[in-house]
Amino acid sequence: MTTNIRPLHDRVIVKRIDEGEQVRGGIIIPDSAKEKPQEGEVLATGLGKYREDGTRQTLDVKTGDRVLFGKYSSSEIKVDGEELLIMREDEILGIIKRAGAAASSAGGSIATGGKKRGK
């Protein structure tokens, strides 16, 4: 049985993306000693926060986006045996764009707000 969750207002549901097994200098680090990844995929989004004038402010993130978030910025929930995170949109630090999608833009995959540095 699958459970559908729709977060309210400006909240999003994120699934952590595991980076795979970490090996440093030939030593395998056990799961209990690994840090949890701070990267995830957005599974569901709310409809947005209400403004003071009664209109909704839509979210900048959407389902399927890969995002970065802080270590302590979410609440862990377990749904159908799967560990997920629920957080407010303002707790998300950034949206990750892969190099293939950003190859056509000058300046790489990190947005700089349109400003370029001189030499």
PDB file of N, CA and C in Angstrom:
ATOM      1  N   MET A   1       0.844  -1.183   0.000  1.00  0.00           N
ATOM      2  CA  MET A   1       0.000   0.000   0.000  1.00  0.00           C
ATOM      3  C   MET A   1       0.886   1.243   0.000  1.00  0.00           C
ATOM      4  N   THR A   2       0.640   2.147  -0.912  1.00  0.00           N
ATOM      5  CA  THR A   2       1.416   3.384  -0.956  1.00  0.00           C
ATOM      6  C   THR A   2       0.599   4.509  -0.337  1.00  0.00           C
ATOM      7  N   THR A   3       1.276   5.362   0.357  1.00  0.00           N
ATOM      8  CA  THR A   3       0.642   6.492   1.014  1.00  0.00           C
ATOM      9  C   THR A   3       1.040   7.756   0.272  1.00  0.00           C
ATOM     10  N   ASN A   4       0.056   8.561  -0.052  1.00  0.00           N
ATOM     11  CA  ASN A   4       0.343   9.845  -0.676  1.00  0.00           C
ATOM     12  C   ASN A   4       0.323  10.912   0.399  1.00  0.00           C
ATOM     13  N   ILE A   5       1.353  11.750   0.402  1.00  0.00           N
ATOM     14  CA  ILE A   5       1.438  12.846   1.365  1.00  0.00           C
ATOM     15  C   ILE A   5       1.490  14.147   0.585  1.00  0.00           C
ATOM     16  N   ARG A   6       0.667  15.080   0.980  1.00  0.00           N
ATOM     17  CA  ARG A   6       0.712  16.415   0.394  1.00  0.00           C
ATOM     18  C   ARG A   6       1.077  17.376   1.511  1.00  0.00           C
ATOM     19  N   PRO A   7       2.289  17.940   1.472  1.00  0.00           N
ATOM     20  CA  PRO A   7       2.679  18.883   2.517  1.00  0.00           C
ATOM     21  C   PRO A   7       1.853  20.158   2.434  1.00  0.00           C
ATOM     22  N   LEU A   8       1.697  20.812   3.554  1.00  0.00           N
ATOM     23  CA  LEU A   8       0.905  22.034   3.615  1.00  0.00           C
ATOM     24  C   LEU A   8       1.785  23.270   3.453  1.00  0.00           C
ATOM     25  N   HIS A   9       1.184  24.307   2.911  1.00  0.00           N
ATOM     26  CA  HIS A   9       1.776  25.635   2.764  1.00  0.00           C
ATOM     27  C   HIS A   9       3.140  25.600   2.065  1.00  0.00           C
ATOM     28  N   ASP A  10       4.211  26.051   2.746  1.00  0.00           N
ATOM     29  CA  ASP A  10       5.527  26.157   2.104  1.00  0.00           C
ATOM     30  C   ASP A  10       6.443  24.997   2.475  1.00  0.00           C
ATOM     31  N   ARG A  11       5.875  23.872   2.851  1.00  0.00           N
ATOM     32  CA  ARG A  11       6.690  22.707   3.215  1.00  0.00           C
ATOM     33  C   ARG A  11       6.917  21.810   2.008  1.00  0.00           C
ATOM     34  N   VAL A  12       8.033  21.083   2.051  1.00  0.00           N
ATOM     35  CA  VAL A  12       8.371  20.135   0.991  1.00  0.00           C
ATOM     36  C   VAL A  12       8.793  18.812   1.630  1.00  0.00           C
ATOM     37  N   ILE A  13       8.604  17.725   0.900  1.00  0.00           N
ATOM     38  CA  ILE A  13       9.058  16.413   1.336  1.00  0.00           C
ATOM     39  C   ILE A  13      10.237  16.026   0.469  1.00  0.00           C
ATOM     40  N   VAL A  14      11.336  15.624   1.124  1.00  0.00           N
ATOM     41  CA  VAL A  14      12.590  15.344   0.440  1.00  0.00           C
ATOM     42  C   VAL A  14      13.063  13.945   0.815  1.00  0.00           C
ATOM     43  N   LYS A  15      13.592  13.235  -0.173  1.00  0.00           N
ATOM     44  CA  LYS A  15      14.224  11.938   0.078  1.00  0.00           C
ATOM     45  C   LYS A  15      15.724  12.136  -0.069  1.00  0.00           C
ATOM     46  N   ARG A  16      16.471  11.728   0.951  1.00  0.00           N
ATOM     47  CA  ARG A  16      17.934  11.848   0.890  1.00  0.00           C
ATOM     48  C   ARG A  16      18.479  11.022  -0.269  1.00  0.00           C
ATOM     49  N   ILE A  17      19.529  11.533  -0.894  1.00  0.00           N
ATOM     50  CA  ILE A  17      20.224  10.804  -1.957  1.00  0.00           C
ATOM     51  C   ILE A  17      21.535  10.321  -1.362  1.00  0.00           C
ATOM     52  N   ASP A  18      21.684   9.001  -1.271  1.00  0.00           N
ATOM     53  CA  ASP A  18      22.912   8.421  -0.729  1.00  0.00           C
ATOM     54  C   ASP A  18      24.028   8.566  -1.736  1.00  0.00           C
ATOM     55  N   GLU A  19      25.206   8.893  -1.238  1.00  0.00           N
ATOM     56  CA  GLU A  19      26.370   9.100  -2.095  1.00  0.00           C
ATOM     57  C   GLU A  19      27.097   7.807  -2.395  1.00  0.00           C
ATOM     58  N   GLY A  20      26.631   6.696  -1.878  1.00  0.00           N
ATOM     59  CA  GLY A  20      27.310   5.425  -2.076  1.00  0.00           C
ATOM     60  C   GLY A  20      28.267   5.161  -0.938  1.00  0.00           C
ATOM     61  N   GLU A  21      28.947   4.047  -0.992  1.00  0.00           N
ATOM     62  CA  GLU A  21      29.856   3.652   0.077  1.00  0.00           C
ATOM     63  C   GLU A  21      31.115   4.511   0.039  1.00  0.00           C
ATOM     64  N   GLN A  22      31.468   5.085   1.179  1.00  0.00           N
ATOM     65  CA  GLN A  22      32.647   5.937   1.264  1.00  0.00           C
ATOM     66  C   GLN A  22      33.859   5.099   1.634  1.00  0.00           C
ATOM     67  N   VAL A  23      34.911   5.225   0.848  1.00  0.00           N
ATOM     68  CA  VAL A  23      36.151   4.523   1.152  1.00  0.00           C
ATOM     69  C   VAL A  23      37.252   5.573   1.208  1.00  0.00           C
ATOM     70  N   ARG A  24      37.968   5.617   2.327  1.00  0.00           N
ATOM     71  CA  ARG A  24      39.054   6.580   2.482  1.00  0.00           C
ATOM     72  C   ARG A  24      40.320   5.816   2.791  1.00  0.00           C
ATOM     73  N   GLY A  25      41.289   5.874   1.922  1.00  0.00           N
ATOM     74  CA  GLY A  25      42.566   5.215   2.155  1.00  0.00           C
ATOM     75  C   GLY A  25      42.441   3.713   2.324  1.00  0.00           C
ATOM     76  N   GLY A  26      41.480   3.104   1.653  1.00  0.00           N
ATOM     77  CA  GLY A  26      41.293   1.664   1.750  1.00  0.00           C
ATOM     78  C   GLY A  26      40.486   1.225   2.956  1.00  0.00           C
ATOM     79  N   ILE A  27      40.003   2.170   3.762  1.00  0.00           N
ATOM     80  CA  ILE A  27      39.212   1.837   4.947  1.00  0.00           C
ATOM     81  C   ILE A  27      37.745   2.092   4.636  1.00  0.00           C
ATOM     82  N   ILE A  28      36.925   1.090   4.878  1.00  0.00           N
ATOM     83  CA  ILE A  28      35.487   1.247   4.667  1.00  0.00           C
ATOM     84  C   ILE A  28      34.885   1.809   5.947  1.00  0.00           C
ATOM     85  N   ILE A  29      34.174   2.919   5.802  1.00  0.00           N
ATOM     86  CA  ILE A  29      33.570   3.585   6.949  1.00  0.00           C
ATOM     87  C   ILE A  29      32.202   2.953   7.210  1.00  0.00           C
ATOM     88  N   PRO A  30      31.943   2.475   8.434  1.00  0.00           N
ATOM     89  CA  PRO A  30      30.644   1.852   8.713  1.00  0.00           C
ATOM     90  C   PRO A  30      29.510   2.877   8.675  1.00  0.00           C
ATOM     91  N   ASP A  31      28.287   2.392   8.427  1.00  0.00           N
ATOM     92  CA  ASP A  31      27.128   3.279   8.332  1.00  0.00           C
ATOM     93  C   ASP A  31      26.934   4.129   9.573  1.00  0.00           C
ATOM     94  N   SER A  32      27.229   3.592  10.746  1.00  0.00           N
ATOM     95  CA  SER A  32      27.010   4.335  11.983  1.00  0.00           C
ATOM     96  C   SER A  32      27.941   5.539  12.113  1.00  0.00           C
ATOM     97  N   ALA A  33      29.078   5.539  11.415  1.00  0.00           N
ATOM     98  CA  ALA A  33      30.042   6.638  11.505  1.00  0.00           C
ATOM     99  C   ALA A  33      29.908   7.638  10.361  1.00  0.00           C
ATOM    100  N   LYS A  34      29.114   7.315   9.350  1.00  0.00           N
ATOM    101  CA  LYS A  34      28.970   8.204   8.199  1.00  0.00           C
ATOM    102  C   LYS A  34      28.027   9.350   8.520  1.00  0.00           C
ATOM    103  N   GLU A  35      28.326  10.486   7.925  1.00  0.00           N
ATOM    104  CA  GLU A  35      27.396  11.609   8.019  1.00  0.00           C
ATOM    105  C   GLU A  35      26.299  11.386   7.002  1.00  0.00           C
ATOM    106  N   LYS A  36      25.106  11.811   7.365  1.00  0.00           N
ATOM    107  CA  LYS A  36      23.996  11.679   6.428  1.00  0.00           C
ATOM    108  C   LYS A  36      24.165  12.727   5.334  1.00  0.00           C
ATOM    109  N   PRO A  37      23.832  12.364   4.096  1.00  0.00           N
ATOM    110  CA  PRO A  37      23.998  13.330   3.012  1.00  0.00           C
ATOM    111  C   PRO A  37      23.068  14.524   3.182  1.00  0.00           C
ATOM    112  N   GLN A  38      23.521  15.661   2.698  1.00  0.00           N
ATOM    113  CA  GLN A  38      22.736  16.886   2.763  1.00  0.00           C
ATOM    114  C   GLN A  38      22.178  17.231   1.392  1.00  0.00           C
ATOM    115  N   GLU A  39      22.015  16.216   0.574  1.00  0.00           N
ATOM    116  CA  GLU A  39      21.469  16.378  -0.764  1.00  0.00           C
ATOM    117  C   GLU A  39      20.271  15.459  -0.877  1.00  0.00           C
ATOM    118  N   GLY A  40      19.229  15.930  -1.551  1.00  0.00           N
ATOM    119  CA  GLY A  40      18.040  15.112  -1.688  1.00  0.00           C
ATOM    120  C   GLY A  40      17.226  15.487  -2.898  1.00  0.00           C
ATOM    121  N   GLU A  41      16.188  14.691  -3.126  1.00  0.00           N
ATOM    122  CA  GLU A  41      15.260  14.929  -4.237  1.00  0.00           C
ATOM    123  C   GLU A  41      13.906  15.292  -3.659  1.00  0.00           C
ATOM    124  N   VAL A  42      13.310  16.344  -4.201  1.00  0.00           N
ATOM    125  CA  VAL A  42      12.001  16.791  -3.738  1.00  0.00           C
ATOM    126  C   VAL A  42      10.942  15.830  -4.277  1.00  0.00           C
ATOM    127  N   LEU A  43      10.176  15.219  -3.364  1.00  0.00           N
ATOM    128  CA  LEU A  43       9.125  14.284  -3.752  1.00  0.00           C
ATOM    129  C   LEU A  43       7.757  14.945  -3.842  1.00  0.00           C
ATOM    130  N   ALA A  44       7.517  15.958  -2.999  1.00  0.00           N
ATOM    131  CA  ALA A  44       6.221  16.640  -2.999  1.00  0.00           C
ATOM    132  C   ALA A  44       6.396  18.043  -2.443  1.00  0.00           C
ATOM    133  N   THR A  45       5.548  18.956  -2.899  1.00  0.00           N
ATOM    134  CA  THR A  45       5.588  20.337  -2.424  1.00  0.00           C
ATOM    135  C   THR A  45       4.194  20.786  -2.033  1.00  0.00           C
ATOM    136  N   GLY A  46       4.145  21.726  -1.112  1.00  0.00           N
ATOM    137  CA  GLY A  46       2.876  22.348  -0.758  1.00  0.00           C
ATOM    138  C   GLY A  46       2.495  23.377  -1.813  1.00  0.00           C
ATOM    139  N   LEU A  47       1.353  24.019  -1.609  1.00  0.00           N
ATOM    140  CA  LEU A  47       0.866  24.996  -2.584  1.00  0.00           C
ATOM    141  C   LEU A  47       1.451  26.377  -2.397  1.00  0.00           C
ATOM    142  N   GLY A  48       2.116  26.620  -1.276  1.00  0.00           N
ATOM    143  CA  GLY A  48       2.738  27.921  -1.028  1.00  0.00           C
ATOM    144  C   GLY A  48       2.154  28.586   0.198  1.00  0.00           C
ATOM    145  N   LYS A  49       2.891  29.558   0.700  1.00  0.00           N
ATOM    146  CA  LYS A  49       2.503  30.293   1.900  1.00  0.00           C
ATOM    147  C   LYS A  49       1.551  31.423   1.526  1.00  0.00           C
ATOM    148  N   TYR A  50       0.595  31.696   2.408  1.00  0.00           N
ATOM    149  CA  TYR A  50      -0.302  32.828   2.188  1.00  0.00           C
ATOM    150  C   TYR A  50       0.394  34.122   2.556  1.00  0.00           C
ATOM    151  N   ARG A  51       0.261  35.126   1.692  1.00  0.00           N
ATOM    152  CA  ARG A  51       0.777  36.465   1.987  1.00  0.00           C
ATOM    153  C   ARG A  51      -0.243  37.213   2.826  1.00  0.00           C
ATOM    154  N   GLU A  52       0.119  38.397   3.281  1.00  0.00           N
ATOM    155  CA  GLU A  52      -0.800  39.194   4.095  1.00  0.00           C
ATOM    156  C   GLU A  52      -2.017  39.658   3.316  1.00  0.00           C
ATOM    157  N   ASP A  53      -1.881  39.799   1.982  1.00  0.00           N
ATOM    158  CA  ASP A  53      -3.021  40.228   1.171  1.00  0.00           C
ATOM    159  C   ASP A  53      -3.936  39.062   0.778  1.00  0.00           C
ATOM    160  N   GLY A  54      -3.623  37.854   1.245  1.00  0.00           N
ATOM    161  CA  GLY A  54      -4.485  36.705   1.001  1.00  0.00           C
ATOM    162  C   GLY A  54      -4.119  35.862  -0.208  1.00  0.00           C
ATOM    163  N   THR A  55      -3.165  36.316  -1.017  1.00  0.00           N
ATOM    164  CA  THR A  55      -2.732  35.527  -2.177  1.00  0.00           C
ATOM    165  C   THR A  55      -1.655  34.543  -1.749  1.00  0.00           C
ATOM    166  N   ARG A  56      -1.464  33.527  -2.561  1.00  0.00           N
ATOM    167  CA  ARG A  56      -0.427  32.530  -2.259  1.00  0.00           C
ATOM    168  C   ARG A  56       0.870  32.885  -2.967  1.00  0.00           C
ATOM    169  N   GLN A  57       1.972  32.695  -2.257  1.00  0.00           N
ATOM    170  CA  GLN A  57       3.295  32.842  -2.861  1.00  0.00           C
ATOM    171  C   GLN A  57       3.752  31.444  -3.268  1.00  0.00           C
ATOM    172  N   THR A  58       3.929  31.230  -4.563  1.00  0.00           N
ATOM    173  CA  THR A  58       4.312  29.905  -5.045  1.00  0.00           C
ATOM    174  C   THR A  58       5.748  29.580  -4.648  1.00  0.00           C
ATOM    175  N   LEU A  59       6.063  28.291  -4.636  1.00  0.00           N
ATOM    176  CA  LEU A  59       7.388  27.845  -4.237  1.00  0.00           C
ATOM    177  C   LEU A  59       8.361  27.914  -5.409  1.00  0.00           C
ATOM    178  N   ASP A  60       9.648  28.094  -5.083  1.00  0.00           N
ATOM    179  CA  ASP A  60      10.694  28.101  -6.106  1.00  0.00           C
ATOM    180  C   ASP A  60      11.128  26.690  -6.472  1.00  0.00           C
ATOM    181  N   VAL A  61      10.940  25.727  -5.563  1.00  0.00           N
ATOM    182  CA  VAL A  61      11.314  24.338  -5.853  1.00  0.00           C
ATOM    183  C   VAL A  61      10.091  23.594  -6.365  1.00  0.00           C
ATOM    184  N   LYS A  62      10.356  22.530  -7.124  1.00  0.00           N
ATOM    185  CA  LYS A  62       9.263  21.704  -7.646  1.00  0.00           C
ATOM    186  C   LYS A  62       9.630  20.241  -7.500  1.00  0.00           C
ATOM    187  N   THR A  63       8.670  19.382  -7.651  1.00  0.00           N
ATOM    188  CA  THR A  63       8.890  17.951  -7.544  1.00  0.00           C
ATOM    189  C   THR A  63       9.955  17.521  -8.556  1.00  0.00           C
ATOM    190  N   GLY A  64      10.908  16.720  -8.100  1.00  0.00           N
ATOM    191  CA  GLY A  64      11.983  16.235  -8.960  1.00  0.00           C
ATOM    192  C   GLY A  64      13.272  17.025  -8.842  1.00  0.00           C
ATOM    193  N   ASP A  65      13.243  18.219  -8.243  1.00  0.00           N
ATOM    194  CA  ASP A  65      14.464  19.015  -8.078  1.00  0.00           C
ATOM    195  C   ASP A  65      15.414  18.330  -7.099  1.00  0.00           C
ATOM    196  N   ARG A  66      16.719  18.426  -7.376  1.00  0.00           N
ATOM    197  CA  ARG A  66      17.753  17.989  -6.427  1.00  0.00           C
ATOM    198  C   ARG A  66      18.161  19.216  -5.639  1.00  0.00           C
ATOM    199  N   VAL A  67      18.140  19.089  -4.321  1.00  0.00           N
ATOM    200  CA  VAL A  67      18.368  20.252  -3.468  1.00  0.00           C
ATOM    201  C   VAL A  67      19.427  19.972  -2.408  1.00  0.00           C
ATOM    202  N   LEU A  68      20.016  21.039  -1.905  1.00  0.00           N
ATOM    203  CA  LEU A  68      20.941  20.994  -0.770  1.00  0.00           C
ATOM    204  C   LEU A  68      20.231  21.591   0.437  1.00  0.00           C
ATOM    205  N   PHE A  69      20.451  21.003   1.600  1.00  0.00           N
ATOM    206  CA  PHE A  69      19.829  21.509   2.816  1.00  0.00           C
ATOM    207  C   PHE A  69      20.804  21.364   3.973  1.00  0.00           C
ATOM    208  N   GLY A  70      20.559  22.091   5.042  1.00  0.00           N
ATOM    209  CA  GLY A  70      21.427  22.064   6.213  1.00  0.00           C
ATOM    210  C   GLY A  70      21.277  20.781   7.012  1.00  0.00           C
ATOM    211  N   LYS A  71      22.276  20.492   7.857  1.00  0.00           N
ATOM    212  CA  LYS A  71      22.274  19.265   8.657  1.00  0.00           C
ATOM    213  C   LYS A  71      21.073  19.163   9.585  1.00  0.00           C
ATOM    214  N   TYR A  72      20.700  20.262  10.189  1.00  0.00           N
ATOM    215  CA  TYR A  72      19.673  20.237  11.229  1.00  0.00           C
ATOM    216  C   TYR A  72      18.412  20.984  10.809  1.00  0.00           C
ATOM    217  N   SER A  73      18.143  21.025   9.523  1.00  0.00           N
ATOM    218  CA  SER A  73      17.068  21.889   9.045  1.00  0.00           C
ATOM    219  C   SER A  73      15.771  21.165   8.704  1.00  0.00           C
ATOM    220  N   SER A  74      15.593  19.933   9.136  1.00  0.00           N
ATOM    221  CA  SER A  74      14.386  19.215   8.745  1.00  0.00           C
ATOM    222  C   SER A  74      13.922  18.291   9.859  1.00  0.00           C
ATOM    223  N   SER A  75      12.746  17.741   9.663  1.00  0.00           N
ATOM    224  CA  SER A  75      12.220  16.721  10.565  1.00  0.00           C
ATOM    225  C   SER A  75      12.165  15.414   9.804  1.00  0.00           C
ATOM    226  N   GLU A  76      12.648  14.349  10.432  1.00  0.00           N
ATOM    227  CA  GLU A  76      12.618  13.042   9.784  1.00  0.00           C
ATOM    228  C   GLU A  76      11.272  12.385  10.043  1.00  0.00           C
ATOM    229  N   ILE A  77      10.715  11.797   8.991  1.00  0.00           N
ATOM    230  CA  ILE A  77       9.467  11.060   9.107  1.00  0.00           C
ATOM    231  C   ILE A  77       9.660   9.710   8.437  1.00  0.00           C
ATOM    232  N   LYS A  78       8.860   8.743   8.824  1.00  0.00           N
ATOM    233  CA  LYS A  78       8.933   7.422   8.222  1.00  0.00           C
ATOM    234  C   LYS A  78       7.564   7.102   7.641  1.00  0.00           C
ATOM    235  N   VAL A  79       7.521   6.853   6.337  1.00  0.00           N
ATOM    236  CA  VAL A  79       6.275   6.555   5.641  1.00  0.00           C
ATOM    237  C   VAL A  79       6.455   5.241   4.901  1.00  0.00           C
ATOM    238  N   ASP A  80       5.623   4.263   5.207  1.00  0.00           N
ATOM    239  CA  ASP A  80       5.701   2.936   4.580  1.00  0.00           C
ATOM    240  C   ASP A  80       7.114   2.357   4.665  1.00  0.00           C
ATOM    241  N   GLY A  81       7.781   2.565   5.794  1.00  0.00           N
ATOM    242  CA  GLY A  81       9.122   2.028   6.000  1.00  0.00           C
ATOM    243  C   GLY A  81      10.225   2.825   5.344  1.00  0.00           C
ATOM    244  N   GLU A  82       9.904   3.906   4.673  1.00  0.00           N
ATOM    245  CA  GLU A  82      10.898   4.730   3.979  1.00  0.00           C
ATOM    246  C   GLU A  82      11.137   6.007   4.775  1.00  0.00           C
ATOM    247  N   GLU A  83      12.420   6.337   5.007  1.00  0.00           N
ATOM    248  CA  GLU A  83      12.754   7.547   5.751  1.00  0.00           C
ATOM    249  C   GLU A  83      12.765   8.752   4.818  1.00  0.00           C
ATOM    250  N   LEU A  84      11.959   9.744   5.164  1.00  0.00           N
ATOM    251  CA  LEU A  84      11.848  10.968   4.379  1.00  0.00           C
ATOM    252  C   LEU A  84      12.071  12.162   5.297  1.00  0.00           C
ATOM    253  N   LEU A  85      12.245  13.323   4.698  1.00  0.00           N
ATOM    254  CA  LEU A  85      12.421  14.567   5.439  1.00  0.00           C
ATOM    255  C   LEU A  85      11.298  15.521   5.057  1.00  0.00           C
ATOM    256  N   ILE A  86      10.828  16.276   6.023  1.00  0.00           N
ATOM    257  CA  ILE A  86       9.871  17.341   5.729  1.00  0.00           C
ATOM    258  C   ILE A  86      10.476  18.635   6.258  1.00  0.00           C
ATOM    259  N   MET A  87      10.464  19.666   5.419  1.00  0.00           N
ATOM    260  CA  MET A  87      11.083  20.938   5.790  1.00  0.00           C
ATOM    261  C   MET A  87      10.373  22.084   5.092  1.00  0.00           C
ATOM    262  N   ARG A  88      10.602  23.271   5.588  1.00  0.00           N
ATOM    263  CA  ARG A  88      10.076  24.470   4.926  1.00  0.00           C
ATOM    264  C   ARG A  88      10.986  24.812   3.746  1.00  0.00           C
ATOM    265  N   GLU A  89      10.407  25.464   2.772  1.00  0.00           N
ATOM    266  CA  GLU A  89      11.197  25.810   1.590  1.00  0.00           C
ATOM    267  C   GLU A  89      12.378  26.712   1.953  1.00  0.00           C
ATOM    268  N   ASP A  90      12.226  27.594   2.913  1.00  0.00           N
ATOM    269  CA  ASP A  90      13.326  28.491   3.256  1.00  0.00           C
ATOM    270  C   ASP A  90      14.479  27.781   3.965  1.00  0.00           C
ATOM    271  N   GLU A  91      14.324  26.505   4.320  1.00  0.00           N
ATOM    272  CA  GLU A  91      15.412  25.714   4.881  1.00  0.00           C
ATOM    273  C   GLU A  91      16.276  25.075   3.793  1.00  0.00           C
ATOM    274  N   ILE A  92      15.817  25.145   2.551  1.00  0.00           N
ATOM    275  CA  ILE A  92      16.586  24.613   1.424  1.00  0.00           C
ATOM    276  C   ILE A  92      17.619  25.657   1.031  1.00  0.00           C
ATOM    277  N   LEU A  93      18.877  25.217   0.930  1.00  0.00           N
ATOM    278  CA  LEU A  93      19.980  26.138   0.645  1.00  0.00           C
ATOM    279  C   LEU A  93      20.153  26.419  -0.838  1.00  0.00           C
ATOM    280  N   GLY A  94      19.817  25.456  -1.687  1.00  0.00           N
ATOM    281  CA  GLY A  94      19.985  25.664  -3.120  1.00  0.00           C
ATOM    282  C   GLY A  94      19.458  24.492  -3.922  1.00  0.00           C
ATOM    283  N   ILE A  95      19.258  24.744  -5.214  1.00  0.00           N
ATOM    284  CA  ILE A  95      18.830  23.724  -6.166  1.00  0.00           C
ATOM    285  C   ILE A  95      20.043  23.347  -6.995  1.00  0.00           C
ATOM    286  N   ILE A  96      20.303  22.052  -7.136  1.00  0.00           N
ATOM    287  CA  ILE A  96      21.466  21.571  -7.876  1.00  0.00           C
ATOM    288  C   ILE A  96      21.096  21.383  -9.340  1.00  0.00           C
ATOM    289  N   LYS A  97      21.864  22.001 -10.197  1.00  0.00           N
ATOM    290  CA  LYS A  97      21.733  21.820 -11.645  1.00  0.00           C
ATOM    291  C   LYS A  97      22.945  21.045 -12.109  1.00  0.00           C
ATOM    292  N   ARG A  98      22.758  20.016 -12.861  1.00  0.00           N
ATOM    293  CA  ARG A  98      23.870  19.190 -13.338  1.00  0.00           C
ATOM    294  C   ARG A  98      24.595  19.884 -14.476  1.00  0.00           C
ATOM    295  N   ALA A  99      25.866  19.528 -14.687  1.00  0.00           N
ATOM    296  CA  ALA A  99      26.737  20.170 -15.662  1.00  0.00           C
ATOM    297  C   ALA A  99      26.170  20.084 -17.076  1.00  0.00           C
ATOM    298  N   GLY A 100      25.535  18.990 -17.444  1.00  0.00           N
ATOM    299  CA  GLY A 100      24.980  18.838 -18.788  1.00  0.00           C
ATOM    300  C   GLY A 100      23.928  19.890 -19.099  1.00  0.00           C
ATOM    301  N   ALA A 101      23.107  20.224 -18.111  1.00  0.00           N
ATOM    302  CA  ALA A 101      22.060  21.212 -18.305  1.00  0.00           C
ATOM    303  C   ALA A 101      22.627  22.623 -18.288  1.00  0.00           C
ATOM    304  N   ALA A 102      23.747  22.826 -17.605  1.00  0.00           N
ATOM    305  CA  ALA A 102      24.317  24.162 -17.471  1.00  0.00           C
ATOM    306  C   ALA A 102      25.420  24.429 -18.491  1.00  0.00           C
ATOM    307  N   ALA A 103      25.727  23.472 -19.354  1.00  0.00           N
ATOM    308  CA  ALA A 103      26.827  23.632 -20.297  1.00  0.00           C
ATOM    309  C   ALA A 103      26.589  24.777 -21.270  1.00  0.00           C
ATOM    310  N   SER A 104      25.328  25.050 -21.560  1.00  0.00           N
ATOM    311  CA  SER A 104      25.050  26.118 -22.510  1.00  0.00           C
ATOM    312  C   SER A 104      25.162  27.499 -21.895  1.00  0.00           C
ATOM    313  N   SER A 105      25.129  27.594 -20.559  1.00  0.00           N
ATOM    314  CA  SER A 105      25.241  28.896 -19.917  1.00  0.00           C
ATOM    315  C   SER A 105      26.703  29.199 -19.604  1.00  0.00           C
ATOM    316  N   ALA A 106      27.088  30.426 -19.785  1.00  0.00           N
ATOM    317  CA  ALA A 106      28.466  30.814 -19.488  1.00  0.00           C
ATOM    318  C   ALA A 106      28.643  30.915 -17.992  1.00  0.00           C
ATOM    319  N   GLY A 107      29.793  30.497 -17.506  1.00  0.00           N
ATOM    320  CA  GLY A 107      30.079  30.645 -16.092  1.00  0.00           C
ATOM    321  C   GLY A 107      29.879  29.397 -15.279  1.00  0.00           C
ATOM    322  N   GLY A 108      29.504  28.273 -15.869  1.00  0.00           N
ATOM    323  CA  GLY A 108      29.407  27.018 -15.122  1.00  0.00           C
ATOM    324  C   GLY A 108      28.037  26.765 -14.553  1.00  0.00           C
ATOM    325  N   SER A 109      28.002  25.889 -13.532  1.00  0.00           N
ATOM    326  CA  SER A 109      26.725  25.429 -13.020  1.00  0.00           C
ATOM    327  C   SER A 109      26.276  26.171 -11.769  1.00  0.00           C
ATOM    328  N   ILE A 110      27.032  27.131 -11.293  1.00  0.00           N
ATOM    329  CA  ILE A 110      26.630  27.876 -10.111  1.00  0.00           C
ATOM    330  C   ILE A 110      26.197  29.266 -10.550  1.00  0.00           C
ATOM    331  N   ALA A 111      24.972  29.618 -10.200  1.00  0.00           N
ATOM    332  CA  ALA A 111      24.443  30.922 -10.577  1.00  0.00           C
ATOM    333  C   ALA A 111      25.110  32.005  -9.737  1.00  0.00           C
ATOM    334  N   THR A 112      25.526  33.099 -10.375  1.00  0.00           N
ATOM    335  CA  THR A 112      26.184  34.195  -9.669  1.00  0.00           C
ATOM    336  C   THR A 112      25.344  35.465  -9.690  1.00  0.00           C
ATOM    337  N   GLY A 113      24.097  35.339 -10.057  1.00  0.00           N
ATOM    338  CA  GLY A 113      23.251  36.532 -10.080  1.00  0.00           C
ATOM    339  C   GLY A 113      23.521  37.418 -11.262  1.00  0.00           C
ATOM    340  N   GLY A 114      24.104  36.879 -12.338  1.00  0.00           N
ATOM    341  CA  GLY A 114      24.349  37.658 -13.541  1.00  0.00           C
ATOM    342  C   GLY A 114      25.611  38.489 -13.505  1.00  0.00           C
ATOM    343  N   LYS A 115      26.361  38.494 -12.429  1.00  0.00           N
ATOM    344  CA  LYS A 115      27.566  39.291 -12.325  1.00  0.00           C
ATOM    345  C   LYS A 115      28.762  38.446 -12.700  1.00  0.00           C
ATOM    346  N   LYS A 116      29.648  39.004 -13.480  1.00  0.00           N
ATOM    347  CA  LYS A 116      30.891  38.320 -13.844  1.00  0.00           C
ATOM    348  C   LYS A 116      32.042  39.098 -13.260  1.00  0.00           C
ATOM    349  N   ARG A 117      33.039  38.367 -12.810  1.00  0.00           N
ATOM    350  CA  ARG A 117      34.214  39.008 -12.253  1.00  0.00           C
ATOM    351  C   ARG A 117      35.217  39.298 -13.356  1.00  0.00           C
ATOM    352  N   GLY A 118      35.845  40.428 -13.247  1.00  0.00           N
ATOM    353  CA  GLY A 118      36.900  40.788 -14.190  1.00  0.00           C
ATOM    354  C   GLY A 118      38.223  40.218 -13.784  1.00  0.00           C
ATOM    355  N   LYS A 119      39.204  40.246 -14.697  1.00  0.00           N
ATOM    356  CA  LYS A 119      40.539  39.703 -14.396  1.00  0.00           C
ATOM    357  C   LYS A 119      41.401  40.765 -13.774  1.00  0.00           C
TER     358      LYS A 119
END
